[in-house]
Each structure stands twice: as C-alpha cells, then as structure tokens.
Amino acid sequence: MSEINLKITGMTCEHCVRAATKALEHVPGVEKAEVTLTPGGAVVHGTADPSKLITAVKEEGYEAEVQD
C-alpha cells in the first residue's frame, strides 16, 4: 500500500472536507483518505492512480495537485 499526498485548495468548511473525503474514497484503489481543512490537503492510502484522485477532487469543485 502506498501513500499519496495531495494539496487541495478551495475548501472552506467541514462540509467541503466531507465532500472531498467521500469523492476520494470512491476512487478505485483507495483504502483510506484523510482530508484536512487546514492547510488544505489529503493523505490517500492505497493503490489509486493519482490522476484519478485529482479528477475526483476537481469534480467536487476544488483544485488538487500531488505533493512530494
């Protein structure tokens, strides 16, 4: 199992965090997603394709990028 760190921008409240978490957890290969409002990011555990994670977050209305 690997860990992917994402920077997520555009989230303003806990509802945003829940929406992003739910979107990430629906991506095939995700075992667990931990989303934080501050500083705005996620740690995703599993074997998901990073580009699909970014697409899932963008479909919820937020911006995302992979962080090293």
Protein backbone atom coordinates (compact mmCIF):
# COMPACT_ATOMS: atom_id res chain seq x y z
CA MET A 1 0.00 0.00 0.00
CA SER A 2 1.31 3.42 -0.87
CA GLU A 3 0.59 6.90 0.41
CA ILE A 4 -0.21 9.84 -1.88
CA ASN A 5 -0.19 13.40 -0.55
CA LEU A 6 -2.44 15.93 -2.24
CA LYS A 7 -2.66 19.67 -1.85
CA ILE A 8 -6.32 20.71 -2.07
CA THR A 9 -7.42 24.31 -2.45
CA GLY A 10 -10.89 25.81 -2.38
CA MET A 11 -12.23 24.05 0.71
CA THR A 12 -13.78 26.45 3.23
CA CYS A 13 -15.62 24.28 5.78
CA GLU A 14 -16.14 20.81 7.21
CA HIS A 15 -18.77 20.10 4.55
CA CYS A 16 -16.03 20.60 1.95
CA VAL A 17 -13.78 18.18 3.84
CA ARG A 18 -16.52 15.53 3.91
CA ALA A 19 -17.28 16.02 0.20
CA ALA A 20 -13.61 15.69 -0.77
CA THR A 21 -13.16 12.66 1.50
CA LYS A 22 -16.18 10.91 0.02
CA ALA A 23 -15.04 11.66 -3.54
CA LEU A 24 -11.55 10.29 -2.85
CA GLU A 25 -12.85 7.16 -1.14
CA HIS A 26 -14.91 6.32 -4.24
CA VAL A 27 -11.81 6.18 -6.46
CA PRO A 28 -10.81 2.56 -7.17
CA GLY A 29 -7.75 1.53 -5.17
CA VAL A 30 -8.31 3.95 -2.27
CA GLU A 31 -8.30 2.20 1.10
CA LYS A 32 -8.49 5.35 3.24
CA ALA A 33 -8.50 9.11 2.68
CA GLU A 34 -7.66 11.65 5.38
CA VAL A 35 -8.62 15.19 4.34
CA THR A 36 -7.76 18.28 6.38
CA LEU A 37 -9.17 21.77 6.00
CA THR A 38 -6.01 23.48 7.27
CA PRO A 39 -3.65 23.67 5.47
CA GLY A 40 -5.84 22.05 2.80
CA GLY A 41 -4.72 18.63 1.80
CA ALA A 42 -5.22 14.90 1.87
CA VAL A 43 -3.27 11.76 2.58
CA VAL A 44 -4.63 8.90 0.50
CA HIS A 45 -3.71 5.32 1.34
CA GLY A 46 -3.96 2.61 -1.31
CA THR A 47 -3.01 1.98 -4.89
CA ALA A 48 -5.15 4.54 -6.71
CA ASP A 49 -3.98 6.41 -9.80
CA PRO A 50 -3.03 9.96 -8.70
CA SER A 51 -4.63 11.49 -11.78
CA LYS A 52 -7.97 9.88 -10.88
CA LEU A 53 -7.70 11.29 -7.35
CA ILE A 54 -7.18 14.79 -8.75
CA THR A 55 -10.12 14.35 -11.13
CA ALA A 56 -12.39 13.23 -8.26
CA VAL A 57 -11.50 16.30 -6.20
CA LYS A 58 -11.97 18.65 -9.17
CA GLU A 59 -15.40 17.15 -9.86
CA GLU A 60 -16.38 18.28 -6.35
CA GLY A 61 -15.33 21.84 -7.23
CA TYR A 62 -11.88 22.03 -5.61
CA GLU A 63 -8.38 22.15 -7.04
CA ALA A 64 -5.83 19.45 -6.28
CA GLU A 65 -2.24 18.56 -7.06
CA VAL A 66 0.14 15.84 -5.93
CA GLN A 67 2.67 16.94 -3.34
CA ASP A 68 6.07 15.32 -2.89
